[in-house]
C-alpha atoms as a PDB file:
ATOM      1  CA  MET A   1     -55.382  -0.518  -2.308  1.00  0.00           C
ATOM      2  CA  ARG A   2     -52.073  -1.145  -0.575  1.00  0.00           C
ATOM      3  CA  ILE A   3     -51.469  -2.539   2.919  1.00  0.00           C
ATOM      4  CA  ARG A   4     -48.167  -1.818   4.620  1.00  0.00           C
ATOM      5  CA  ARG A   5     -46.545  -1.361   7.999  1.00  0.00           C
ATOM      6  CA  ALA A   6     -47.216   2.031   9.509  1.00  0.00           C
ATOM      7  CA  THR A   7     -44.460   4.553  10.160  1.00  0.00           C
ATOM      8  CA  THR A   8     -44.497   7.414  12.646  1.00  0.00           C
ATOM      9  CA  ALA A   9     -45.228   9.720   9.689  1.00  0.00           C
ATOM     10  CA  ASP A  10     -48.646   7.990   9.457  1.00  0.00           C
ATOM     11  CA  ALA A  11     -49.673   8.931  13.016  1.00  0.00           C
ATOM     12  CA  ALA A  12     -51.877  11.902  12.068  1.00  0.00           C
ATOM     13  CA  ALA A  13     -53.642   9.923   9.331  1.00  0.00           C
ATOM     14  CA  ILE A  14     -54.180   6.967  11.679  1.00  0.00           C
ATOM     15  CA  ALA A  15     -55.595   9.338  14.310  1.00  0.00           C
ATOM     16  CA  SER A  16     -57.938  10.912  11.777  1.00  0.00           C
ATOM     17  CA  VAL A  17     -59.243   7.477  10.758  1.00  0.00           C
ATOM     18  CA  HIS A  18     -59.553   6.478  14.427  1.00  0.00           C
ATOM     19  CA  VAL A  19     -61.637   9.521  15.372  1.00  0.00           C
ATOM     20  CA  GLY A  20     -63.756   9.492  12.206  1.00  0.00           C
ATOM     21  CA  SER A  21     -64.505   5.800  12.508  1.00  0.00           C
ATOM     22  CA  TRP A  22     -65.417   6.023  16.197  1.00  0.00           C
ATOM     23  CA  ARG A  23     -67.781   8.922  15.527  1.00  0.00           C
ATOM     24  CA  ALA A  24     -69.556   7.020  12.754  1.00  0.00           C
ATOM     25  CA  ALA A  25     -69.546   3.505  14.222  1.00  0.00           C
ATOM     26  CA  TYR A  26     -70.287   4.311  17.852  1.00  0.00           C
ATOM     27  CA  ARG A  27     -72.911   7.073  17.480  1.00  0.00           C
ATOM     28  CA  GLY A  28     -75.861   5.836  19.517  1.00  0.00           C
ATOM     29  CA  LEU A  29     -73.680   3.287  21.327  1.00  0.00           C
ATOM     30  CA  MET A  30     -71.649   5.853  23.283  1.00  0.00           C
ATOM     31  CA  PRO A  31     -72.639   9.287  24.541  1.00  0.00           C
ATOM     32  CA  ASP A  32     -72.361  12.048  21.930  1.00  0.00           C
ATOM     33  CA  GLY A  33     -70.185  14.050  24.329  1.00  0.00           C
ATOM     34  CA  VAL A  34     -67.550  11.310  24.365  1.00  0.00           C
ATOM     35  CA  LEU A  35     -67.499  11.056  20.574  1.00  0.00           C
ATOM     36  CA  ASP A  36     -67.591  14.805  19.959  1.00  0.00           C
ATOM     37  CA  GLY A  37     -64.770  15.292  22.463  1.00  0.00           C
ATOM     38  CA  LEU A  38     -62.317  13.027  20.641  1.00  0.00           C
ATOM     39  CA  SER A  39     -59.142  14.789  19.559  1.00  0.00           C
ATOM     40  CA  VAL A  40     -57.222  13.881  16.419  1.00  0.00           C
ATOM     41  CA  GLU A  41     -54.166  15.691  17.834  1.00  0.00           C
ATOM     42  CA  GLN A  42     -54.256  13.695  21.078  1.00  0.00           C
ATOM     43  CA  ARG A  43     -54.735  10.409  19.224  1.00  0.00           C
ATOM     44  CA  ALA A  44     -51.890  11.283  16.836  1.00  0.00           C
ATOM     45  CA  GLY A  45     -49.529  11.532  19.799  1.00  0.00           C
ATOM     46  CA  VAL A  46     -50.656   8.141  21.080  1.00  0.00           C
ATOM     47  CA  TRP A  47     -50.247   6.495  17.671  1.00  0.00           C
ATOM     48  CA  ARG A  48     -46.859   8.145  17.095  1.00  0.00           C
ATOM     49  CA  SER A  49     -45.713   6.577  20.358  1.00  0.00           C
ATOM     50  CA  VAL A  50     -47.196   3.142  19.600  1.00  0.00           C
ATOM     51  CA  VAL A  51     -45.763   2.961  16.087  1.00  0.00           C
ATOM     52  CA  GLY A  52     -42.392   4.302  17.217  1.00  0.00           C
ATOM     53  CA  ALA A  53     -42.060   1.884  20.133  1.00  0.00           C
ATOM     54  CA  GLY A  54     -41.671  -1.222  17.973  1.00  0.00           C
ATOM     55  CA  ARG A  55     -42.499  -3.564  20.869  1.00  0.00           C
ATOM     56  CA  PRO A  56     -41.985  -7.300  20.291  1.00  0.00           C
ATOM     57  CA  GLY A  57     -45.075  -9.071  18.980  1.00  0.00           C
ATOM     58  CA  GLU A  58     -46.781  -5.775  18.154  1.00  0.00           C
ATOM     59  CA  GLY A  59     -47.409  -3.848  14.967  1.00  0.00           C
ATOM     60  CA  VAL A  60     -49.576  -1.320  13.153  1.00  0.00           C
ATOM     61  CA  LEU A  61     -50.695  -1.799   9.566  1.00  0.00           C
ATOM     62  CA  VAL A  62     -52.317   0.798   7.340  1.00  0.00           C
ATOM     63  CA  VAL A  63     -54.437   0.406   4.238  1.00  0.00           C
ATOM     64  CA  GLU A  64     -54.112   3.216   1.747  1.00  0.00           C
ATOM     65  CA  THR A  65     -55.623   4.176  -1.563  1.00  0.00           C
ATOM     66  CA  ASP A  66     -54.842   6.994  -3.954  1.00  0.00           C
ATOM     67  CA  VAL A  67     -56.409   9.404  -1.425  1.00  0.00           C
ATOM     68  CA  GLY A  68     -54.112   8.263   1.419  1.00  0.00           C
ATOM     69  CA  VAL A  69     -54.569   6.171   4.568  1.00  0.00           C
ATOM     70  CA  VAL A  70     -58.170   4.965   4.856  1.00  0.00           C
ATOM     71  CA  GLY A  71     -57.764   2.393   7.619  1.00  0.00           C
ATOM     72  CA  PHE A  72     -55.453   0.802  10.153  1.00  0.00           C
ATOM     73  CA  ALA A  73     -55.094  -2.221  12.413  1.00  0.00           C
ATOM     74  CA  HIS A  74     -53.053  -2.689  15.579  1.00  0.00           C
ATOM     75  CA  VAL A  75     -51.931  -6.156  16.699  1.00  0.00           C
ATOM     76  CA  CYS A  76     -50.228  -6.992  19.978  1.00  0.00           C
ATOM     77  CA  PRO A  77     -49.845  -9.690  22.628  1.00  0.00           C
ATOM     78  CA  ALA A  78     -53.278 -10.353  24.144  1.00  0.00           C
ATOM     79  CA  ARG A  79     -53.980  -7.843  26.899  1.00  0.00           C
ATOM     80  CA  ASP A  80     -56.469 -10.217  28.514  1.00  0.00           C
ATOM     81  CA  GLY A  81     -54.898 -11.857  31.567  1.00  0.00           C
ATOM     82  CA  TYR A  82     -57.089 -14.940  31.174  1.00  0.00           C
ATOM     83  CA  VAL A  83     -55.563 -16.247  27.951  1.00  0.00           C
ATOM     84  CA  ASP A  84     -52.299 -18.063  27.370  1.00  0.00           C
ATOM     85  CA  GLY A  85     -49.071 -16.547  26.061  1.00  0.00           C
ATOM     86  CA  GLY A  86     -49.661 -17.977  22.586  1.00  0.00           C
ATOM     87  CA  THR A  87     -52.557 -15.571  22.076  1.00  0.00           C
ATOM     88  CA  GLY A  88     -52.304 -12.329  20.148  1.00  0.00           C
ATOM     89  CA  GLU A  89     -54.884  -9.599  19.818  1.00  0.00           C
ATOM     90  CA  VAL A  90     -56.281  -7.350  17.134  1.00  0.00           C
ATOM     91  CA  SER A  91     -56.674  -4.429  19.525  1.00  0.00           C
ATOM     92  CA  ALA A  92     -57.894  -2.013  16.866  1.00  0.00           C
ATOM     93  CA  ILE A  93     -59.157  -2.170  13.314  1.00  0.00           C
ATOM     94  CA  TYR A  94     -60.823   0.945  11.947  1.00  0.00           C
ATOM     95  CA  LEU A  95     -61.616   2.299   8.504  1.00  0.00           C
ATOM     96  CA  LEU A  96     -63.081   5.527   7.249  1.00  0.00           C
ATOM     97  CA  PRO A  97     -66.841   5.132   6.778  1.00  0.00           C
ATOM     98  CA  GLU A  98     -66.458   5.942   3.071  1.00  0.00           C
ATOM     99  CA  VAL A  99     -64.678   2.607   2.522  1.00  0.00           C
ATOM    100  CA  TRP A 100     -66.899   0.389   4.663  1.00  0.00           C
ATOM    101  CA  GLY A 101     -68.207  -2.499   2.586  1.00  0.00           C
ATOM    102  CA  THR A 102     -65.578  -2.152  -0.162  1.00  0.00           C
ATOM    103  CA  GLY A 103     -63.284  -5.063   0.822  1.00  0.00           C
ATOM    104  CA  HIS A 104     -60.613  -2.852   2.379  1.00  0.00           C
ATOM    105  CA  GLY A 105     -61.543  -4.027   5.875  1.00  0.00           C
ATOM    106  CA  ARG A 106     -61.445  -7.686   4.911  1.00  0.00           C
ATOM    107  CA  ALA A 107     -58.018  -7.279   3.298  1.00  0.00           C
ATOM    108  CA  LEU A 108     -56.739  -5.391   6.336  1.00  0.00           C
ATOM    109  CA  MET A 109     -58.095  -8.034   8.736  1.00  0.00           C
ATOM    110  CA  ASP A 110     -56.479 -10.793   6.674  1.00  0.00           C
ATOM    111  CA  ALA A 111     -53.148  -8.937   6.853  1.00  0.00           C
ATOM    112  CA  ALA A 112     -53.520  -8.424  10.624  1.00  0.00           C
ATOM    113  CA  VAL A 113     -54.237 -12.125  11.151  1.00  0.00           C
ATOM    114  CA  ARG A 114     -51.188 -13.047   9.042  1.00  0.00           C
ATOM    115  CA  ARG A 115     -49.090 -10.605  11.070  1.00  0.00           C
ATOM    116  CA  LEU A 116     -50.163 -12.251  14.333  1.00  0.00           C
ATOM    117  CA  GLY A 117     -49.256 -15.645  12.884  1.00  0.00           C
ATOM    118  CA  ASP A 118     -45.885 -14.263  11.761  1.00  0.00           C
ATOM    119  CA  HIS A 119     -45.289 -13.206  15.376  1.00  0.00           C
ATOM    120  CA  GLY A 120     -45.801 -16.842  16.420  1.00  0.00           C
ATOM    121  CA  TYR A 121     -49.228 -16.559  18.021  1.00  0.00           C
ATOM    122  CA  ARG A 122     -51.487 -19.628  17.735  1.00  0.00           C
ATOM    123  CA  THR A 123     -54.775 -17.953  18.660  1.00  0.00           C
ATOM    124  CA  ALA A 124     -56.127 -14.425  18.290  1.00  0.00           C
ATOM    125  CA  ILE A 125     -58.726 -12.457  20.198  1.00  0.00           C
ATOM    126  CA  LEU A 126     -60.429  -9.131  19.749  1.00  0.00           C
ATOM    127  CA  TRP A 127     -63.025  -7.201  21.723  1.00  0.00           C
ATOM    128  CA  VAL A 128     -66.110  -5.607  20.182  1.00  0.00           C
ATOM    129  CA  LEU A 129     -68.611  -3.209  21.661  1.00  0.00           C
ATOM    130  CA  VAL A 130     -71.861  -4.981  22.492  1.00  0.00           C
ATOM    131  CA  GLY A 131     -74.468  -3.494  20.192  1.00  0.00           C
ATOM    132  CA  ASN A 132     -72.027  -2.908  17.319  1.00  0.00           C
ATOM    133  CA  GLU A 133     -73.872  -5.285  15.018  1.00  0.00           C
ATOM    134  CA  ARG A 134     -72.072  -4.128  11.857  1.00  0.00           C
ATOM    135  CA  ALA A 135     -68.685  -5.049  13.355  1.00  0.00           C
ATOM    136  CA  ARG A 136     -69.994  -8.316  14.752  1.00  0.00           C
ATOM    137  CA  ARG A 137     -71.262  -9.373  11.293  1.00  0.00           C
ATOM    138  CA  PHE A 138     -67.859  -8.439   9.851  1.00  0.00           C
ATOM    139  CA  TYR A 139     -65.998 -10.555  12.443  1.00  0.00           C
ATOM    140  CA  ASP A 140     -68.371 -13.499  12.004  1.00  0.00           C
ATOM    141  CA  ALA A 141     -67.834 -13.402   8.230  1.00  0.00           C
ATOM    142  CA  ALA A 142     -64.059 -13.223   8.720  1.00  0.00           C
ATOM    143  CA  GLY A 143     -63.969 -16.484  10.715  1.00  0.00           C
ATOM    144  CA  TRP A 144     -64.086 -15.115  14.264  1.00  0.00           C
ATOM    145  CA  SER A 145     -66.438 -16.538  16.912  1.00  0.00           C
ATOM    146  CA  CYS A 146     -67.844 -14.890  20.008  1.00  0.00           C
ATOM    147  CA  ASP A 147     -66.657 -16.886  23.031  1.00  0.00           C
ATOM    148  CA  GLY A 148     -69.069 -15.258  25.499  1.00  0.00           C
ATOM    149  CA  ALA A 149     -66.536 -13.411  27.654  1.00  0.00           C
ATOM    150  CA  GLU A 150     -67.484  -9.824  28.475  1.00  0.00           C
ATOM    151  CA  LYS A 151     -65.826  -6.880  30.155  1.00  0.00           C
ATOM    152  CA  THR A 152     -66.780  -3.335  30.989  1.00  0.00           C
ATOM    153  CA  ALA A 153     -64.674  -0.222  30.589  1.00  0.00           C
ATOM    154  CA  THR A 154     -65.059   3.479  31.173  1.00  0.00           C
ATOM    155  CA  VAL A 155     -64.567   5.809  28.204  1.00  0.00           C
ATOM    156  CA  GLY A 156     -64.338   9.554  28.329  1.00  0.00           C
ATOM    157  CA  GLY A 157     -64.240   9.354  32.117  1.00  0.00           C
ATOM    158  CA  THR A 158     -68.035   9.068  32.279  1.00  0.00           C
ATOM    159  CA  ALA A 159     -69.486   6.353  30.048  1.00  0.00           C
ATOM    160  CA  THR A 160     -69.432   2.664  30.855  1.00  0.00           C
ATOM    161  CA  ILE A 161     -69.372   0.332  27.872  1.00  0.00           C
ATOM    162  CA  THR A 162     -69.557  -3.431  27.600  1.00  0.00           C
ATOM    163  CA  GLU A 163     -67.460  -5.416  25.158  1.00  0.00           C
ATOM    164  CA  THR A 164     -67.601  -9.070  24.193  1.00  0.00           C
ATOM    165  CA  ARG A 165     -64.632 -11.175  23.120  1.00  0.00           C
ATOM    166  CA  TYR A 166     -64.170 -12.928  19.794  1.00  0.00           C
ATOM    167  CA  ARG A 167     -61.458 -15.469  19.047  1.00  0.00           C
ATOM    168  CA  ARG A 168     -60.084 -17.565  16.241  1.00  0.00           C
ATOM    169  CA  PRO A 169     -57.237 -19.962  15.632  1.00  0.00           C
ATOM    170  CA  LEU A 170     -54.393 -18.622  13.552  1.00  0.00           C
ATOM    171  CA  PRO A 171     -52.978 -20.409  10.533  1.00  0.00           C
ATOM    172  CA  SER A 172     -49.575 -21.931  11.078  1.00  0.00           C
ATOM    173  CA  THR A 173     -46.774 -20.033   9.365  1.00  0.00           C
ATOM    174  CA  ALA A 174     -44.317 -22.933   9.644  1.00  0.00           C
END
């Protein structure tokens, strides 16, 4: 297993992980039509743009094995308007279902948390779909705590989902 910064050449692999993970993790939590309608090609374009932008305080990491990219994480300034400027966010962390439970996710999360600390953030947040108990157990075990905040969003133009926020302090890199 190797964790590294993503390049634009990784966009298709990141998109494939993103779509595959959503379809496995969110089946039963989101309408099948939303999940079945996901497009690797569309997601690849989004990830190519995100990785290529190189915005301050933002980054994409990939975890790869001998078969290629099996997971990714995106970190950025917190997108939640109700937190202070010293807060970063793990906006995405997804792995192929074949590597769930193998330690790849934990290593990737640890790297994402370090990356946020390297960017100078003091606190981190992430949002998780209510009902995604597997992810919630993972975040709890990784030192995150649910703070009770919730938000709703529309996905696929038709489905309303509810997410709850987790947070954790970040280790000082000084």
